PDB file of N, CA and C in Angstrom:
ATOM      1  N   MET A   1       0.820  -1.194   0.000  1.00  0.00           N
ATOM      2  CA  MET A   1       0.000   0.000   0.000  1.00  0.00           C
ATOM      3  C   MET A   1       0.868   1.264   0.000  1.00  0.00           C
ATOM      4  N   LYS A   2       1.998   1.226   0.748  1.00  0.00           N
ATOM      5  CA  LYS A   2       2.879   2.382   0.782  1.00  0.00           C
ATOM      6  C   LYS A   2       3.431   2.699  -0.599  1.00  0.00           C
ATOM      7  N   ARG A   3       3.828   1.650  -1.323  1.00  0.00           N
ATOM      8  CA  ARG A   3       4.366   1.858  -2.668  1.00  0.00           C
ATOM      9  C   ARG A   3       3.319   2.472  -3.588  1.00  0.00           C
ATOM     10  N   TYR A   4       2.082   2.008  -3.469  1.00  0.00           N
ATOM     11  CA  TYR A   4       1.014   2.538  -4.311  1.00  0.00           C
ATOM     12  C   TYR A   4       0.794   4.023  -4.018  1.00  0.00           C
ATOM     13  N   LEU A   5       0.759   4.393  -2.746  1.00  0.00           N
ATOM     14  CA  LEU A   5       0.560   5.797  -2.379  1.00  0.00           C
ATOM     15  C   LEU A   5       1.744   6.656  -2.825  1.00  0.00           C
ATOM     16  N   LEU A   6       2.948   6.134  -2.685  1.00  0.00           N
ATOM     17  CA  LEU A   6       4.128   6.864  -3.139  1.00  0.00           C
ATOM     18  C   LEU A   6       4.087   7.082  -4.652  1.00  0.00           C
ATOM     19  N   PHE A   7       3.676   6.061  -5.390  1.00  0.00           N
ATOM     20  CA  PHE A   7       3.561   6.179  -6.846  1.00  0.00           C
ATOM     21  C   PHE A   7       2.519   7.230  -7.226  1.00  0.00           C
ATOM     22  N   VAL A   8       1.384   7.212  -6.569  1.00  0.00           N
ATOM     23  CA  VAL A   8       0.316   8.176  -6.859  1.00  0.00           C
ATOM     24  C   VAL A   8       0.796   9.592  -6.534  1.00  0.00           C
ATOM     25  N   LEU A   9       1.474   9.764  -5.402  1.00  0.00           N
ATOM     26  CA  LEU A   9       1.991  11.076  -5.036  1.00  0.00           C
ATOM     27  C   LEU A   9       3.024  11.565  -6.057  1.00  0.00           C
ATOM     28  N   ALA A  10       3.911  10.677  -6.483  1.00  0.00           N
ATOM     29  CA  ALA A  10       4.913  11.043  -7.482  1.00  0.00           C
ATOM     30  C   ALA A  10       4.259  11.399  -8.810  1.00  0.00           C
ATOM     31  N   ALA A  11       3.249  10.649  -9.212  1.00  0.00           N
ATOM     32  CA  ALA A  11       2.559  10.924 -10.472  1.00  0.00           C
ATOM     33  C   ALA A  11       1.836  12.269 -10.426  1.00  0.00           C
ATOM     34  N   LEU A  12       1.261  12.585  -9.304  1.00  0.00           N
ATOM     35  CA  LEU A  12       0.546  13.860  -9.182  1.00  0.00           C
ATOM     36  C   LEU A  12       1.495  15.048  -9.169  1.00  0.00           C
ATOM     37  N   THR A  13       2.614  14.931  -8.473  1.00  0.00           N
ATOM     38  CA  THR A  13       3.545  16.051  -8.407  1.00  0.00           C
ATOM     39  C   THR A  13       4.367  16.194  -9.680  1.00  0.00           C
ATOM     40  N   ALA A  14       4.528  15.126 -10.448  1.00  0.00           N
ATOM     41  CA  ALA A  14       5.312  15.214 -11.684  1.00  0.00           C
ATOM     42  C   ALA A  14       4.672  16.171 -12.675  1.00  0.00           C
ATOM     43  N   GLY A  15       3.376  16.250 -12.691  1.00  0.00           N
ATOM     44  CA  GLY A  15       2.687  17.158 -13.593  1.00  0.00           C
ATOM     45  C   GLY A  15       2.948  18.621 -13.259  1.00  0.00           C
ATOM     46  N   PHE A  16       3.235  18.906 -11.997  1.00  0.00           N
ATOM     47  CA  PHE A  16       3.487  20.277 -11.567  1.00  0.00           C
ATOM     48  C   PHE A  16       4.965  20.649 -11.661  1.00  0.00           C
ATOM     49  N   ALA A  17       5.816  19.688 -11.949  1.00  0.00           N
ATOM     50  CA  ALA A  17       7.254  19.925 -11.930  1.00  0.00           C
ATOM     51  C   ALA A  17       7.820  20.258 -13.308  1.00  0.00           C
ATOM     52  N   GLN A  18       7.047  20.923 -14.129  1.00  0.00           N
ATOM     53  CA  GLN A  18       7.525  21.282 -15.456  1.00  0.00           C
ATOM     54  C   GLN A  18       7.781  22.779 -15.524  1.00  0.00           C
ATOM     55  N   ALA A  19       8.809  23.137 -16.266  1.00  0.00           N
ATOM     56  CA  ALA A  19       9.163  24.547 -16.434  1.00  0.00           C
ATOM     57  C   ALA A  19       9.136  24.885 -17.917  1.00  0.00           C
ATOM     58  N   ASN A  20       8.924  26.148 -18.210  1.00  0.00           N
ATOM     59  CA  ASN A  20       8.930  26.605 -19.598  1.00  0.00           C
ATOM     60  C   ASN A  20      10.240  27.320 -19.889  1.00  0.00           C
ATOM     61  N   LEU A  21      10.999  26.766 -20.819  1.00  0.00           N
ATOM     62  CA  LEU A  21      12.255  27.374 -21.238  1.00  0.00           C
ATOM     63  C   LEU A  21      11.943  28.562 -22.146  1.00  0.00           C
ATOM     64  N   VAL A  22      12.440  29.738 -21.760  1.00  0.00           N
ATOM     65  CA  VAL A  22      12.215  30.951 -22.532  1.00  0.00           C
ATOM     66  C   VAL A  22      13.324  31.146 -23.555  1.00  0.00           C
ATOM     67  N   GLY A  23      14.563  30.841 -23.168  1.00  0.00           N
ATOM     68  CA  GLY A  23      15.672  31.012 -24.089  1.00  0.00           C
ATOM     69  C   GLY A  23      17.008  30.695 -23.440  1.00  0.00           C
ATOM     70  N   LEU A  24      18.072  30.922 -24.194  1.00  0.00           N
ATOM     71  CA  LEU A  24      19.432  30.737 -23.711  1.00  0.00           C
ATOM     72  C   LEU A  24      20.169  32.066 -23.783  1.00  0.00           C
ATOM     73  N   GLU A  25      20.986  32.343 -22.783  1.00  0.00           N
ATOM     74  CA  GLU A  25      21.791  33.554 -22.754  1.00  0.00           C
ATOM     75  C   GLU A  25      23.238  33.157 -22.534  1.00  0.00           C
ATOM     76  N   SER A  26      24.157  33.962 -23.043  1.00  0.00           N
ATOM     77  CA  SER A  26      25.577  33.678 -22.825  1.00  0.00           C
ATOM     78  C   SER A  26      26.313  34.967 -22.503  1.00  0.00           C
ATOM     79  N   GLU A  27      27.453  34.808 -21.808  1.00  0.00           N
ATOM     80  CA  GLU A  27      28.307  35.942 -21.502  1.00  0.00           C
ATOM     81  C   GLU A  27      29.753  35.481 -21.532  1.00  0.00           C
ATOM     82  N   VAL A  28      30.642  36.393 -21.857  1.00  0.00           N
ATOM     83  CA  VAL A  28      32.071  36.086 -21.818  1.00  0.00           C
ATOM     84  C   VAL A  28      32.487  36.102 -20.361  1.00  0.00           C
ATOM     85  N   TYR A  29      33.053  34.994 -19.877  1.00  0.00           N
ATOM     86  CA  TYR A  29      33.466  34.884 -18.487  1.00  0.00           C
ATOM     87  C   TYR A  29      34.952  35.205 -18.324  1.00  0.00           C
ATOM     88  N   ALA A  30      35.777  34.709 -19.244  1.00  0.00           N
ATOM     89  CA  ALA A  30      37.222  34.947 -19.161  1.00  0.00           C
ATOM     90  C   ALA A  30      37.832  34.789 -20.542  1.00  0.00           C
ATOM     91  N   GLU A  31      38.943  35.464 -20.730  1.00  0.00           N
ATOM     92  CA  GLU A  31      39.705  35.324 -21.971  1.00  0.00           C
ATOM     93  C   GLU A  31      41.143  35.008 -21.616  1.00  0.00           C
ATOM     94  N   SER A  32      41.760  34.121 -22.388  1.00  0.00           N
ATOM     95  CA  SER A  32      43.148  33.718 -22.149  1.00  0.00           C
ATOM     96  C   SER A  32      43.801  33.430 -23.492  1.00  0.00           C
ATOM     97  N   PRO A  33      45.098  33.142 -23.498  1.00  0.00           N
ATOM     98  CA  PRO A  33      45.759  32.780 -24.751  1.00  0.00           C
ATOM     99  C   PRO A  33      45.172  31.517 -25.388  1.00  0.00           C
ATOM    100  N   TYR A  34      44.485  30.712 -24.574  1.00  0.00           N
ATOM    101  CA  TYR A  34      43.893  29.472 -25.089  1.00  0.00           C
ATOM    102  C   TYR A  34      42.541  29.697 -25.741  1.00  0.00           C
ATOM    103  N   GLY A  35      41.916  30.822 -25.455  1.00  0.00           N
ATOM    104  CA  GLY A  35      40.608  31.097 -26.037  1.00  0.00           C
ATOM    105  C   GLY A  35      39.709  31.822 -25.055  1.00  0.00           C
ATOM    106  N   THR A  36      38.454  31.857 -25.364  1.00  0.00           N
ATOM    107  CA  THR A  36      37.456  32.559 -24.557  1.00  0.00           C
ATOM    108  C   THR A  36      36.570  31.554 -23.847  1.00  0.00           C
ATOM    109  N   VAL A  37      36.277  31.832 -22.568  1.00  0.00           N
ATOM    110  CA  VAL A  37      35.390  30.985 -21.780  1.00  0.00           C
ATOM    111  C   VAL A  37      34.037  31.684 -21.707  1.00  0.00           C
ATOM    112  N   TYR A  38      32.999  30.976 -22.073  1.00  0.00           N
ATOM    113  CA  TYR A  38      31.652  31.516 -22.040  1.00  0.00           C
ATOM    114  C   TYR A  38      30.845  30.811 -20.968  1.00  0.00           C
ATOM    115  N   ARG A  39      29.953  31.527 -20.348  1.00  0.00           N
ATOM    116  CA  ARG A  39      28.957  30.919 -19.468  1.00  0.00           C
ATOM    117  C   ARG A  39      27.630  30.987 -20.205  1.00  0.00           C
ATOM    118  N   VAL A  40      26.929  29.866 -20.216  1.00  0.00           N
ATOM    119  CA  VAL A  40      25.638  29.783 -20.905  1.00  0.00           C
ATOM    120  C   VAL A  40      24.564  29.541 -19.854  1.00  0.00           C
ATOM    121  N   TYR A  41      23.502  30.324 -19.913  1.00  0.00           N
ATOM    122  CA  TYR A  41      22.422  30.243 -18.935  1.00  0.00           C
ATOM    123  C   TYR A  41      21.114  29.905 -19.626  1.00  0.00           C
ATOM    124  N   ALA A  42      20.328  29.054 -18.995  1.00  0.00           N
ATOM    125  CA  ALA A  42      18.971  28.763 -19.455  1.00  0.00           C
ATOM    126  C   ALA A  42      18.033  29.736 -18.741  1.00  0.00           C
ATOM    127  N   THR A  43      17.156  30.373 -19.504  1.00  0.00           N
ATOM    128  CA  THR A  43      16.207  31.334 -18.942  1.00  0.00           C
ATOM    129  C   THR A  43      14.820  30.695 -18.925  1.00  0.00           C
ATOM    130  N   PHE A  44      14.169  30.755 -17.753  1.00  0.00           N
ATOM    131  CA  PHE A  44      12.838  30.182 -17.600  1.00  0.00           C
ATOM    132  C   PHE A  44      11.836  31.277 -17.287  1.00  0.00           C
ATOM    133  N   ASP A  45      10.554  30.951 -17.388  1.00  0.00           N
ATOM    134  CA  ASP A  45       9.529  31.947 -17.137  1.00  0.00           C
ATOM    135  C   ASP A  45       9.263  32.182 -15.652  1.00  0.00           C
ATOM    136  N   THR A  46       9.765  31.318 -14.781  1.00  0.00           N
ATOM    137  CA  THR A  46       9.610  31.471 -13.336  1.00  0.00           C
ATOM    138  C   THR A  46      10.995  31.498 -12.694  1.00  0.00           C
ATOM    139  N   PRO A  47      11.287  32.470 -11.834  1.00  0.00           N
ATOM    140  CA  PRO A  47      12.630  32.591 -11.248  1.00  0.00           C
ATOM    141  C   PRO A  47      13.075  31.376 -10.427  1.00  0.00           C
ATOM    142  N   THR A  48      12.145  30.598  -9.909  1.00  0.00           N
ATOM    143  CA  THR A  48      12.519  29.448  -9.080  1.00  0.00           C
ATOM    144  C   THR A  48      12.771  28.178  -9.894  1.00  0.00           C
ATOM    145  N   ASP A  49      12.526  28.212 -11.199  1.00  0.00           N
ATOM    146  CA  ASP A  49      12.790  27.044 -12.045  1.00  0.00           C
ATOM    147  C   ASP A  49      14.289  26.846 -12.179  1.00  0.00           C
ATOM    148  N   GLU A  50      14.716  25.598 -12.356  1.00  0.00           N
ATOM    149  CA  GLU A  50      16.134  25.319 -12.545  1.00  0.00           C
ATOM    150  C   GLU A  50      16.329  24.175 -13.517  1.00  0.00           C
ATOM    151  N   LEU A  51      17.459  24.197 -14.186  1.00  0.00           N
ATOM    152  CA  LEU A  51      17.828  23.148 -15.125  1.00  0.00           C
ATOM    153  C   LEU A  51      18.558  22.068 -14.337  1.00  0.00           C
ATOM    154  N   VAL A  52      18.049  20.851 -14.380  1.00  0.00           N
ATOM    155  CA  VAL A  52      18.620  19.764 -13.588  1.00  0.00           C
ATOM    156  C   VAL A  52      19.488  18.853 -14.448  1.00  0.00           C
ATOM    157  N   ALA A  53      19.131  18.652 -15.705  1.00  0.00           N
ATOM    158  CA  ALA A  53      19.898  17.740 -16.556  1.00  0.00           C
ATOM    159  C   ALA A  53      19.776  18.149 -18.018  1.00  0.00           C
ATOM    160  N   VAL A  54      20.815  17.828 -18.764  1.00  0.00           N
ATOM    161  CA  VAL A  54      20.812  17.996 -20.219  1.00  0.00           C
ATOM    162  C   VAL A  54      21.213  16.647 -20.795  1.00  0.00           C
ATOM    163  N   TYR A  55      20.412  16.128 -21.692  1.00  0.00           N
ATOM    164  CA  TYR A  55      20.711  14.804 -22.238  1.00  0.00           C
ATOM    165  C   TYR A  55      20.193  14.710 -23.662  1.00  0.00           C
ATOM    166  N   ALA A  56      20.607  13.656 -24.332  1.00  0.00           N
ATOM    167  CA  ALA A  56      20.151  13.394 -25.698  1.00  0.00           C
ATOM    168  C   ALA A  56      19.820  11.915 -25.818  1.00  0.00           C
ATOM    169  N   LEU A  57      19.062  11.598 -26.816  1.00  0.00           N
ATOM    170  CA  LEU A  57      18.700  10.215 -27.100  1.00  0.00           C
ATOM    171  C   LEU A  57      19.219   9.842 -28.486  1.00  0.00           C
ATOM    172  N   GLU A  58      19.292   8.579 -28.741  1.00  0.00           N
ATOM    173  CA  GLU A  58      19.727   8.144 -30.069  1.00  0.00           C
ATOM    174  C   GLU A  58      18.769   8.651 -31.143  1.00  0.00           C
ATOM    175  N   THR A  59      17.495   8.724 -30.797  1.00  0.00           N
ATOM    176  CA  THR A  59      16.494   9.205 -31.752  1.00  0.00           C
ATOM    177  C   THR A  59      16.401  10.725 -31.792  1.00  0.00           C
ATOM    178  N   ALA A  60      16.971  11.394 -30.790  1.00  0.00           N
ATOM    179  CA  ALA A  60      16.973  12.858 -30.734  1.00  0.00           C
ATOM    180  C   ALA A  60      18.351  13.317 -30.260  1.00  0.00           C
ATOM    181  N   PRO A  61      19.359  13.264 -31.137  1.00  0.00           N
ATOM    182  CA  PRO A  61      20.726  13.599 -30.720  1.00  0.00           C
ATOM    183  C   PRO A  61      20.907  15.091 -30.436  1.00  0.00           C
ATOM    184  N   MET A  62      21.921  15.395 -29.647  1.00  0.00           N
ATOM    185  CA  MET A  62      22.257  16.772 -29.336  1.00  0.00           C
ATOM    186  C   MET A  62      23.602  17.090 -29.988  1.00  0.00           C
ATOM    187  N   GLU A  63      23.711  18.274 -30.558  1.00  0.00           N
ATOM    188  CA  GLU A  63      24.956  18.660 -31.212  1.00  0.00           C
ATOM    189  C   GLU A  63      25.406  20.006 -30.666  1.00  0.00           C
ATOM    190  N   LEU A  64      26.678  20.086 -30.341  1.00  0.00           N
ATOM    191  CA  LEU A  64      27.285  21.322 -29.881  1.00  0.00           C
ATOM    192  C   LEU A  64      28.470  21.589 -30.785  1.00  0.00           C
ATOM    193  N   SER A  65      28.492  22.751 -31.409  1.00  0.00           N
ATOM    194  CA  SER A  65      29.570  23.037 -32.349  1.00  0.00           C
ATOM    195  C   SER A  65      30.056  24.470 -32.169  1.00  0.00           C
ATOM    196  N   VAL A  66      31.259  24.719 -32.653  1.00  0.00           N
ATOM    197  CA  VAL A  66      31.852  26.052 -32.620  1.00  0.00           C
ATOM    198  C   VAL A  66      32.442  26.355 -33.986  1.00  0.00           C
ATOM    199  N   THR A  67      32.738  27.607 -34.228  1.00  0.00           N
ATOM    200  CA  THR A  67      33.324  27.990 -35.522  1.00  0.00           C
ATOM    201  C   THR A  67      34.835  27.767 -35.542  1.00  0.00           C
ATOM    202  N   THR A  68      35.462  27.581 -34.361  1.00  0.00           N
ATOM    203  CA  THR A  68      36.904  27.337 -34.289  1.00  0.00           C
ATOM    204  C   THR A  68      37.141  25.896 -33.852  1.00  0.00           C
ATOM    205  N   SER A  69      37.650  25.689 -32.645  1.00  0.00           N
ATOM    206  CA  SER A  69      37.831  24.338 -32.114  1.00  0.00           C
ATOM    207  C   SER A  69      37.665  24.363 -30.607  1.00  0.00           C
ATOM    208  N   PHE A  70      37.381  23.202 -30.015  1.00  0.00           N
ATOM    209  CA  PHE A  70      37.285  23.092 -28.570  1.00  0.00           C
ATOM    210  C   PHE A  70      38.676  22.902 -27.998  1.00  0.00           C
ATOM    211  N   TYR A  71      38.897  23.418 -26.799  1.00  0.00           N
ATOM    212  CA  TYR A  71      40.185  23.239 -26.123  1.00  0.00           C
ATOM    213  C   TYR A  71      40.021  22.220 -25.009  1.00  0.00           C
ATOM    214  N   GLN A  72      40.897  21.237 -24.954  1.00  0.00           N
ATOM    215  CA  GLN A  72      40.913  20.252 -23.877  1.00  0.00           C
ATOM    216  C   GLN A  72      42.323  20.201 -23.321  1.00  0.00           C
ATOM    217  N   ASP A  73      42.501  20.606 -22.069  1.00  0.00           N
ATOM    218  CA  ASP A  73      43.815  20.594 -21.443  1.00  0.00           C
ATOM    219  C   ASP A  73      44.313  19.160 -21.288  1.00  0.00           C
ATOM    220  N   ALA A  74      45.618  18.981 -21.360  1.00  0.00           N
ATOM    221  CA  ALA A  74      46.215  17.643 -21.279  1.00  0.00           C
ATOM    222  C   ALA A  74      45.941  16.953 -19.953  1.00  0.00           C
ATOM    223  N   VAL A  75      45.816  17.717 -18.858  1.00  0.00           N
ATOM    224  CA  VAL A  75      45.530  17.093 -17.566  1.00  0.00           C
ATOM    225  C   VAL A  75      44.030  17.082 -17.257  1.00  0.00           C
ATOM    226  N   GLY A  76      43.228  17.453 -18.216  1.00  0.00           N
ATOM    227  CA  GLY A  76      41.780  17.432 -18.044  1.00  0.00           C
ATOM    228  C   GLY A  76      41.229  16.033 -18.243  1.00  0.00           C
ATOM    229  N   GLY A  77      39.929  15.934 -18.291  1.00  0.00           N
ATOM    230  CA  GLY A  77      39.288  14.644 -18.483  1.00  0.00           C
ATOM    231  C   GLY A  77      38.002  14.803 -19.256  1.00  0.00           C
ATOM    232  N   THR A  78      37.453  13.686 -19.695  1.00  0.00           N
ATOM    233  CA  THR A  78      36.193  13.708 -20.416  1.00  0.00           C
ATOM    234  C   THR A  78      35.070  14.217 -19.528  1.00  0.00           C
ATOM    235  N   LEU A  79      35.078  13.787 -18.264  1.00  0.00           N
ATOM    236  CA  LEU A  79      34.098  14.235 -17.278  1.00  0.00           C
ATOM    237  C   LEU A  79      34.826  14.887 -16.112  1.00  0.00           C
ATOM    238  N   GLY A  80      34.174  15.805 -15.431  1.00  0.00           N
ATOM    239  CA  GLY A  80      34.786  16.425 -14.264  1.00  0.00           C
ATOM    240  C   GLY A  80      35.130  15.422 -13.179  1.00  0.00           C
ATOM    241  N   SER A  81      34.338  14.356 -13.092  1.00  0.00           N
ATOM    242  CA  SER A  81      34.581  13.348 -12.057  1.00  0.00           C
ATOM    243  C   SER A  81      35.846  12.540 -12.301  1.00  0.00           C
ATOM    244  N   THR A  82      36.405  12.594 -13.518  1.00  0.00           N
ATOM    245  CA  THR A  82      37.621  11.833 -13.806  1.00  0.00           C
ATOM    246  C   THR A  82      38.892  12.619 -13.506  1.00  0.00           C
ATOM    247  N   ILE A  83      38.747  13.886 -13.102  1.00  0.00           N
ATOM    248  CA  ILE A  83      39.913  14.712 -12.778  1.00  0.00           C
ATOM    249  C   ILE A  83      40.201  14.571 -11.289  1.00  0.00           C
ATOM    250  N   ASN A  84      41.450  14.321 -10.949  1.00  0.00           N
ATOM    251  CA  ASN A  84      41.863  14.179  -9.561  1.00  0.00           C
ATOM    252  C   ASN A  84      41.709  15.523  -8.850  1.00  0.00           C
ATOM    253  N   PRO A  85      40.942  15.583  -7.747  1.00  0.00           N
ATOM    254  CA  PRO A  85      40.736  16.855  -7.037  1.00  0.00           C
ATOM    255  C   PRO A  85      42.022  17.482  -6.519  1.00  0.00           C
ATOM    256  N   ALA A  86      43.083  16.698  -6.352  1.00  0.00           N
ATOM    257  CA  ALA A  86      44.355  17.242  -5.879  1.00  0.00           C
ATOM    258  C   ALA A  86      44.922  18.264  -6.863  1.00  0.00           C
ATOM    259  N   PHE A  87      44.591  18.146  -8.140  1.00  0.00           N
ATOM    260  CA  PHE A  87      45.066  19.106  -9.132  1.00  0.00           C
ATOM    261  C   PHE A  87      44.534  20.513  -8.872  1.00  0.00           C
ATOM    262  N   PHE A  88      43.347  20.619  -8.341  1.00  0.00           N
ATOM    263  CA  PHE A  88      42.721  21.924  -8.153  1.00  0.00           C
ATOM    264  C   PHE A  88      43.368  22.736  -7.046  1.00  0.00           C
ATOM    265  N   ARG A  89      44.054  22.083  -6.109  1.00  0.00           N
ATOM    266  CA  ARG A  89      44.683  22.799  -5.012  1.00  0.00           C
ATOM    267  C   ARG A  89      45.896  23.595  -5.461  1.00  0.00           C
ATOM    268  N   GLY A  90      46.707  23.032  -6.340  1.00  0.00           N
ATOM    269  CA  GLY A  90      47.969  23.668  -6.664  1.00  0.00           C
ATOM    270  C   GLY A  90      48.070  24.323  -8.016  1.00  0.00           C
ATOM    271  N   ILE A  91      47.155  24.030  -8.904  1.00  0.00           N
ATOM    272  CA  ILE A  91      47.265  24.551 -10.267  1.00  0.00           C
ATOM    273  C   ILE A  91      46.227  25.649 -10.461  1.00  0.00           C
ATOM    274  N   SER A  92      46.694  26.876 -10.635  1.00  0.00           N
ATOM    275  CA  SER A  92      45.757  27.992 -10.813  1.00  0.00           C
ATOM    276  C   SER A  92      45.144  27.998 -12.204  1.00  0.00           C
ATOM    277  N   LEU A  93      45.629  27.155 -13.102  1.00  0.00           N
ATOM    278  CA  LEU A  93      45.094  27.090 -14.460  1.00  0.00           C
ATOM    279  C   LEU A  93      43.613  26.744 -14.453  1.00  0.00           C
ATOM    280  N   PHE A  94      43.178  25.935 -13.464  1.00  0.00           N
ATOM    281  CA  PHE A  94      41.784  25.501 -13.418  1.00  0.00           C
ATOM    282  C   PHE A  94      40.872  26.526 -12.765  1.00  0.00           C
ATOM    283  N   ARG A  95      41.447  27.512 -12.140  1.00  0.00           N
ATOM    284  CA  ARG A  95      40.632  28.537 -11.479  1.00  0.00           C
ATOM    285  C   ARG A  95      40.427  29.698 -12.434  1.00  0.00           C
ATOM    286  N   ILE A  96      39.231  29.890 -12.841  1.00  0.00           N
ATOM    287  CA  ILE A  96      38.936  30.974 -13.787  1.00  0.00           C
ATOM    288  C   ILE A  96      38.168  32.052 -13.072  1.00  0.00           C
TER     289      ILE A  96
END
């Protein structure tokens, strides 16, 4: 019975948990000899809305492209979780 009530509660609240994306905004955050760092923001119609995940499907792929090239530092990683946190203490290169 608990599982059924939890499912019903989740189903009811899921309908209210949708946000309307108004647009995307960007700003130049930093410039260096390696290139320019941009911050990209999602704008919603309600100030309390937030973006929790960005994903793509095989049937609906996502593409991100630039007119130049992407920069990947040699000590970087594919994901942030693959970078050793000890690097952040001593290398100011990662602090922008």
